[in-house]
Protein backbone atom coordinates (compact mmCIF):
# COMPACT_ATOMS: atom_id res chain seq x y z
CA MET A 1 12.23 165.63 267.33
CA LYS A 2 14.60 168.44 268.18
CA HIS A 3 13.47 171.89 267.00
CA LEU A 4 15.65 173.90 264.65
CA LEU A 5 16.70 177.03 266.54
CA ASN A 6 18.05 180.25 265.08
CA THR A 7 21.69 181.28 264.93
CA LEU A 8 22.42 184.94 265.68
CA TYR A 9 25.17 186.31 263.41
CA VAL A 10 26.61 189.63 264.59
CA THR A 11 28.66 191.44 261.92
CA THR A 12 28.43 195.10 263.06
CA GLN A 13 31.88 196.17 264.19
CA GLY A 14 32.01 197.54 267.73
CA ALA A 15 28.80 195.76 268.77
CA TRP A 16 28.43 194.73 272.42
CA LEU A 17 26.37 191.72 273.46
CA ALA A 18 24.94 191.68 276.97
CA ARG A 19 22.50 189.74 279.12
CA ASP A 20 19.21 191.12 280.36
CA GLY A 21 17.41 188.35 282.20
CA GLU A 22 16.82 185.61 279.65
CA THR A 23 17.36 187.93 276.70
CA VAL A 24 20.40 188.73 274.54
CA HIS A 25 20.79 192.48 273.92
CA VAL A 26 22.88 193.69 270.99
CA ARG A 27 24.12 197.24 271.57
CA VAL A 28 25.83 199.55 269.11
CA GLU A 29 27.27 202.85 270.38
CA GLY A 30 25.34 202.44 273.63
CA GLU A 31 21.97 201.90 271.94
CA THR A 32 20.15 198.54 271.99
CA VAL A 33 19.44 197.60 268.37
CA LEU A 34 18.22 194.03 268.89
CA ARG A 35 16.70 191.88 271.64
CA VAL A 36 16.53 188.11 271.23
CA PRO A 37 15.22 185.59 273.80
CA VAL A 38 17.99 183.10 274.46
CA LEU A 39 15.53 180.19 274.31
CA THR A 40 15.09 180.82 270.57
CA LEU A 41 18.83 180.55 269.86
CA GLY A 42 20.96 177.55 269.06
CA GLY A 43 24.12 179.60 268.55
CA ILE A 44 25.73 183.04 268.38
CA VAL A 45 28.52 183.80 265.90
CA CYS A 46 30.50 187.04 266.30
CA PHE A 47 32.49 188.44 263.37
CA GLY A 48 35.43 190.76 264.01
CA ASN A 49 35.35 193.39 266.74
CA VAL A 50 32.27 192.12 268.58
CA SER A 51 32.38 191.77 272.37
CA CYS A 52 30.29 189.81 274.87
CA SER A 53 29.76 190.35 278.57
CA PRO A 54 30.87 187.50 280.86
CA PHE A 55 27.28 187.28 282.13
CA LEU A 56 26.02 186.61 278.61
CA MET A 57 28.72 183.98 278.16
CA GLY A 58 27.50 182.34 281.35
CA LEU A 59 23.91 182.40 280.13
CA CYS A 60 24.94 180.81 276.82
CA ALA A 61 26.82 178.08 278.69
CA GLU A 62 23.81 177.39 280.92
CA ARG A 63 21.41 177.22 277.97
CA ASN A 64 23.80 175.26 275.73
CA VAL A 65 23.96 178.06 273.16
CA ALA A 66 27.12 177.76 271.05
CA LEU A 67 29.16 181.00 271.14
CA SER A 68 31.88 181.38 268.49
CA PHE A 69 34.24 184.20 267.53
CA LEU A 70 35.51 184.67 263.96
CA THR A 71 37.58 187.30 262.22
CA GLU A 72 35.67 189.90 260.24
CA HIS A 73 36.30 187.82 257.12
CA GLY A 74 35.11 184.54 258.64
CA ARG A 75 38.25 182.76 259.87
CA PHE A 76 37.62 180.87 263.11
CA LEU A 77 39.28 182.35 266.23
CA ALA A 78 37.79 180.84 269.39
CA ARG A 79 34.79 179.25 270.98
CA ALA A 80 33.37 179.82 274.46
CA THR A 81 31.86 176.79 276.22
CA GLY A 82 30.65 175.99 279.70
CA GLN A 83 30.77 172.72 281.58
CA VAL A 84 31.04 169.50 279.60
CA HIS A 85 27.61 168.05 278.86
CA GLY A 86 26.63 164.45 278.27
CA ASN A 87 27.32 161.01 279.63
CA VAL A 88 30.97 160.47 280.54
CA LEU A 89 30.62 156.81 279.55
CA LEU A 90 29.72 157.86 276.00
CA ARG A 91 32.85 160.00 275.72
CA ARG A 92 35.03 157.25 277.13
CA GLU A 93 33.65 154.89 274.48
CA GLN A 94 34.31 157.56 271.83
CA TYR A 95 37.96 157.78 272.91
CA ARG A 96 38.35 153.99 272.86
CA ARG A 97 36.92 153.78 269.35
CA ALA A 98 39.12 156.65 268.11
CA ASP A 99 42.22 154.93 269.50
CA ASP A 100 41.33 151.70 267.67
CA GLU A 101 42.71 152.95 264.35
CA ALA A 102 42.73 149.55 262.67
CA GLY A 103 39.21 148.65 263.78
CA SER A 104 36.41 150.94 264.91
CA ALA A 105 38.02 154.17 263.66
CA VAL A 106 38.31 152.77 260.14
CA GLN A 107 34.71 151.53 260.19
CA ILE A 108 33.31 154.95 261.12
CA ALA A 109 35.66 156.79 258.76
CA ARG A 110 34.59 154.52 255.87
CA TRP A 111 31.01 155.73 256.19
CA CYS A 112 32.03 159.39 256.54
CA ILE A 113 34.09 159.23 253.33
CA ALA A 114 31.51 157.11 251.50
CA GLY A 115 28.85 159.69 252.40
CA LYS A 116 31.00 162.53 251.12
CA VAL A 117 31.85 160.80 247.82
CA ALA A 118 28.25 159.68 247.23
CA ASN A 119 26.90 163.18 247.89
CA CYS A 120 29.53 164.81 245.66
CA ARG A 121 28.47 162.37 242.95
CA GLN A 122 24.85 163.44 243.39
CA VAL A 123 25.84 167.10 242.93
CA LEU A 124 27.57 166.23 239.64
CA LEU A 125 24.75 164.01 238.37
CA ARG A 126 22.08 166.61 239.05
CA ALA A 127 24.16 169.30 237.37
CA ALA A 128 24.80 167.03 234.37
CA ARG A 129 21.07 166.45 233.86
CA GLU A 130 20.28 170.16 234.01
CA HIS A 131 23.34 171.60 232.23
CA PRO A 132 22.57 173.48 228.99
CA ASP A 133 25.90 172.49 227.40
CA ALA A 134 26.23 168.89 226.19
CA THR A 135 30.04 168.88 226.42
CA ALA A 136 30.04 170.09 230.02
CA SER A 137 27.31 167.57 230.86
CA ALA A 138 29.48 164.76 229.50
CA VAL A 139 32.45 165.92 231.60
CA LEU A 140 30.28 165.94 234.73
CA GLN A 141 28.92 162.47 234.00
CA GLU A 142 32.43 161.13 233.47
CA ALA A 143 33.56 162.57 236.82
CA ALA A 144 30.48 161.07 238.49
CA GLY A 145 31.50 157.71 237.04
CA ARG A 146 34.95 158.00 238.61
CA LEU A 147 33.37 158.76 241.98
CA ALA A 148 31.11 155.71 241.59
CA SER A 149 34.21 153.57 241.03
CA MET A 150 35.77 154.96 244.21
CA LEU A 151 32.60 154.17 246.16
CA ARG A 152 33.04 150.53 245.24
CA GLY A 153 36.59 150.60 246.59
CA ILE A 154 35.99 152.40 249.88
CA PRO A 155 34.45 149.36 251.69
CA MET A 156 37.68 147.47 250.95
CA ALA A 157 39.91 150.08 252.63
CA THR A 158 41.65 148.62 255.68
CA SER A 159 43.44 151.69 257.05
CA LEU A 160 42.84 155.37 257.64
CA ASP A 161 45.62 156.22 255.17
CA ASP A 162 43.80 154.23 252.48
CA LEU A 163 40.62 156.18 253.20
CA ARG A 164 42.49 159.49 253.08
CA GLY A 165 43.76 158.43 249.68
CA PHE A 166 40.23 157.79 248.43
CA GLU A 167 39.07 161.12 249.90
CA GLY A 168 41.90 163.05 248.25
CA GLU A 169 41.35 161.40 244.86
CA ALA A 170 37.62 162.01 245.05
CA ALA A 171 38.13 165.67 245.98
CA ARG A 172 40.47 166.17 243.00
CA SER A 173 37.96 164.63 240.58
CA TYR A 174 35.08 166.61 242.06
CA PHE A 175 36.75 170.02 242.12
CA ALA A 176 38.33 169.45 238.69
CA THR A 177 34.80 169.75 237.26
CA PHE A 178 33.55 172.47 239.61
CA ASN A 179 34.07 175.18 237.02
CA HIS A 180 31.41 173.51 234.83
CA LEU A 181 28.87 173.97 237.63
CA VAL A 182 29.12 177.77 237.33
CA LEU A 183 26.66 178.94 234.68
CA VAL A 184 27.03 182.74 234.84
CA ASP A 185 29.86 185.30 235.14
CA LYS A 186 32.42 182.69 234.11
CA ASP A 187 35.27 185.22 234.06
CA ALA A 188 34.58 186.50 237.57
CA PHE A 189 33.97 183.02 239.01
CA ARG A 190 36.56 180.92 237.23
CA PHE A 191 37.61 177.99 239.42
CA THR A 192 40.83 176.03 238.89
CA GLU A 193 41.62 174.38 242.23
CA ARG A 194 40.74 174.44 245.91
CA SER A 195 42.75 177.04 247.87
CA ARG A 196 42.16 177.56 251.58
CA ARG A 197 44.58 179.71 253.55
CA PRO A 198 44.19 182.15 252.00
CA PRO A 199 41.43 181.69 249.38
CA LEU A 200 42.79 182.91 246.06
CA ASP A 201 39.57 183.36 244.08
CA SER A 202 35.93 184.24 244.65
CA ILE A 203 34.55 180.69 244.72
CA ASN A 204 37.18 179.56 247.23
CA ALA A 205 36.35 182.58 249.39
CA LEU A 206 32.67 181.58 249.39
CA LEU A 207 33.42 177.92 250.07
CA SER A 208 35.74 178.70 252.98
CA PHE A 209 33.26 181.12 254.54
CA ILE A 210 30.32 178.69 254.40
CA TYR A 211 32.47 175.75 255.53
CA THR A 212 33.30 177.78 258.65
CA LEU A 213 29.59 178.25 259.35
CA LEU A 214 29.01 174.53 258.86
CA VAL A 215 31.83 173.60 261.25
CA HIS A 216 30.22 175.80 263.91
CA ASP A 217 26.89 173.99 263.53
CA VAL A 218 28.41 170.49 263.53
CA GLN A 219 30.58 171.23 266.56
CA ALA A 220 27.58 172.55 268.48
CA ALA A 221 25.54 169.47 267.52
CA LEU A 222 28.25 167.07 268.73
CA GLU A 223 28.48 168.87 272.06
CA CYS A 224 24.69 168.77 272.37
CA VAL A 225 24.57 164.95 272.13
CA GLY A 226 27.50 164.54 274.53
CA LEU A 227 30.38 163.81 272.15
CA ASP A 228 33.80 165.47 272.17
CA PRO A 229 34.19 167.46 268.90
CA ALA A 230 37.99 167.47 269.23
CA VAL A 231 38.50 163.69 269.01
CA GLY A 232 37.96 162.49 265.46
CA VAL A 233 38.62 159.30 263.57
CA LEU A 234 39.78 160.53 260.15
CA HIS A 235 41.07 163.93 261.32
CA ARG A 236 43.44 162.90 264.08
CA ASP A 237 44.06 164.84 267.29
CA ARG A 238 45.61 168.27 266.94
CA PRO A 239 45.37 171.05 269.55
CA GLY A 240 42.64 173.52 268.64
CA ARG A 241 41.19 171.41 265.80
CA PRO A 242 37.65 169.97 266.09
CA GLY A 243 38.57 166.65 264.48
CA LEU A 244 35.23 164.89 264.89
CA ALA A 245 33.33 167.95 263.63
CA LEU A 246 35.53 167.94 260.52
CA ASP A 247 34.88 164.20 260.07
CA LEU A 248 31.13 164.58 260.32
CA MET A 249 30.87 167.64 258.10
CA GLU A 250 32.50 165.79 255.16
CA GLU A 251 29.25 164.12 254.14
CA LEU A 252 27.27 167.36 254.63
CA ARG A 253 29.48 169.70 252.60
CA PRO A 254 28.14 168.89 249.11
CA LEU A 255 24.47 169.47 249.95
CA LEU A 256 24.65 172.20 252.60
CA ALA A 257 27.66 174.23 251.45
CA ASP A 258 28.66 173.51 247.84
CA ARG A 259 25.12 173.66 246.47
CA LEU A 260 24.52 176.94 248.30
CA VAL A 261 27.69 178.47 246.81
CA LEU A 262 26.60 177.49 243.32
CA SER A 263 23.07 178.76 243.92
CA LEU A 264 24.32 182.15 245.14
CA ILE A 265 26.46 182.54 242.01
CA ASN A 266 24.07 181.15 239.40
CA ARG A 267 21.14 183.17 240.74
CA ARG A 268 23.35 186.29 240.71
CA GLN A 269 22.82 186.93 244.42
CA ILE A 270 26.60 187.28 244.67
CA GLY A 271 28.62 188.96 241.91
CA ALA A 272 32.14 190.08 241.11
CA ALA A 273 31.64 193.30 243.10
CA SER A 274 31.02 191.25 246.28
CA PHE A 275 34.73 190.52 246.76
CA HIS A 276 37.97 192.31 247.54
CA LYS A 277 41.38 191.04 246.47
CA SER A 278 44.37 192.14 248.53
CA GLU A 279 47.82 192.94 247.14
CA ALA A 280 48.96 189.53 248.41
CA GLY A 281 46.26 187.82 246.33
CA GLU A 282 43.87 186.95 249.15
CA VAL A 283 40.18 187.20 248.18
CA ARG A 284 37.58 188.08 250.82
CA LEU A 285 33.86 188.74 250.90
CA LEU A 286 32.86 192.37 251.44
CA PRO A 287 30.62 193.15 254.45
CA GLU A 288 27.39 193.52 252.47
CA ALA A 289 28.07 190.26 250.66
CA ARG A 290 28.71 188.45 253.95
CA ARG A 291 25.31 189.55 255.20
CA GLU A 292 23.71 188.30 251.97
CA VAL A 293 25.42 184.92 252.42
CA LEU A 294 24.33 184.67 256.06
CA ILE A 295 20.71 185.34 255.12
CA ALA A 296 20.90 182.70 252.39
CA TRP A 297 22.52 180.24 254.82
CA GLN A 298 19.68 180.69 257.31
CA LYS A 299 17.07 180.21 254.59
CA ARG A 300 18.90 177.14 253.31
CA LYS A 301 18.73 175.54 256.73
CA GLN A 302 14.95 175.96 256.76
CA GLU A 303 14.50 173.87 253.60
CA GLU A 304 13.27 170.32 254.18
CA LEU A 305 14.03 166.85 252.88
CA GLN A 306 13.33 163.27 253.92
CA HIS A 307 16.13 161.80 255.97
CA PRO A 308 17.11 158.52 254.22
CA PHE A 309 17.74 156.57 257.45
CA LEU A 310 15.11 158.02 259.78
CA ASN A 311 12.45 158.33 257.06
CA GLU A 312 11.30 161.64 258.52
CA THR A 313 10.95 165.01 256.84
CA VAL A 314 13.44 167.34 258.52
CA PRO A 315 14.94 170.81 257.95
CA LEU A 316 18.43 170.79 256.45
CA GLY A 317 19.65 172.72 259.47
CA LEU A 318 18.95 169.70 261.69
CA LEU A 319 21.21 167.36 259.71
CA PRO A 320 24.30 168.05 261.89
CA HIS A 321 22.29 167.22 265.02
CA LEU A 322 20.69 164.11 263.53
CA GLN A 323 23.99 162.71 262.29
CA SER A 324 25.61 163.46 265.66
CA MET A 325 22.74 161.65 267.37
CA LEU A 326 23.13 158.62 265.07
CA LEU A 327 26.87 158.50 265.72
CA ALA A 328 26.23 158.59 269.47
CA ARG A 329 23.73 155.75 269.12
CA HIS A 330 26.32 153.71 267.23
CA LEU A 331 28.94 154.33 269.92
CA ARG A 332 26.44 153.24 272.60
CA GLY A 333 25.84 150.00 270.71
CA ASP A 334 22.27 150.78 269.61
CA LEU A 335 23.27 150.70 265.92
CA ASP A 336 25.65 148.19 264.33
CA ALA A 337 27.21 150.86 262.13
CA TYR A 338 27.17 154.63 261.74
CA PRO A 339 24.62 155.47 259.01
CA ALA A 340 26.16 158.31 257.01
CA PHE A 341 23.82 160.83 255.41
CA LEU A 342 23.29 159.84 251.77
CA TRP A 343 21.53 162.49 249.70
CA ARG A 344 18.99 161.19 247.19
């Protein structure tokens, strides 16, 4: 079993990351404030004005440590990678399957969308059982019923456009009830619809930030098993877009990201004062709040559950790697179908 390694998040503006042997040094104003052995790291994420020496970049490439650069507010900018890893035959098979839009691509995409819809349904059902308000609980149960109906239709989809239709309809039903999942500070965290670029309210700002962290982890996992993160089945090729990473993260969003957002709000770890709204209406997390979210994200990845397909107890942070591994096994012919992650 692969070990869950740490991700180093660097948010201090003006920080400089350098290599010293097999160690990552973080320096601020010429003073070393942190030393981390590279063997303990699975990734490094730099926010804003954070620089890295080319020698550290080389070390990360050699040790397969994902190195990503984001804006100070969490929007993805770039990713530094070394030589391509993995079996070229696996990638060639991946490309063939992705090009077979009416066959293999639809089969894999079906499971990705089914996993997402099933896991969204679980979020709603759990919230309905625990909700203190009977009216809100009924609304959540009704939405879960609509998602269950869609799950019955997804296996019948014969094209990627049909699957995108199911995904869009499911997302509308799911997010239409999202406001009922917020139990505290209803005025500060009122949610009406999903807004991305830019996020227009506090919940959307949290969702977008954590989704960016999840994309980083899924992309790194795909590269680790030898797959090309840019070539997806549902998210088609677009320069600069990690299509396969976006495909694979669909089934992981409800458990890893959405539940964390709700937990941060309902436990009052994040409040109205954690955000700044610009004159243009864009809402962003403040620096202290970003650090709080990153700490919670790391703790969340340490939590464990039993993987429904592997029947092993694993940390949540390993789910991107395990699902990438299962997809690679399917592409090699070891598995008849890709087993999406279904949260129970």
